[in-house]
């Protein structure tokens, strides 16, 4: 259904968390790191080890991205 609407990915909880924060007037910025993109093609389950391996691959770049955005927000 989401692909038919144009989505490439679907987060597990980010949208719900942002909606809840907006409801109580808290400004929020969300980052998502997709660690199992395309691994489920063909109904193959993604293992926890695969997810952790992918997270490790991008961790340094992801941390650098978050730090850069946070620094720019506080200027």
Foldseek 3Di string as FASTA:
>chain_A
DVVVVPDQDDDDCPVVVCVVCVVVPHDDDDDDDDQCRPVCPPNDDDDPVSSVVSCVVCVVVVVVVVVVVVVVVVD
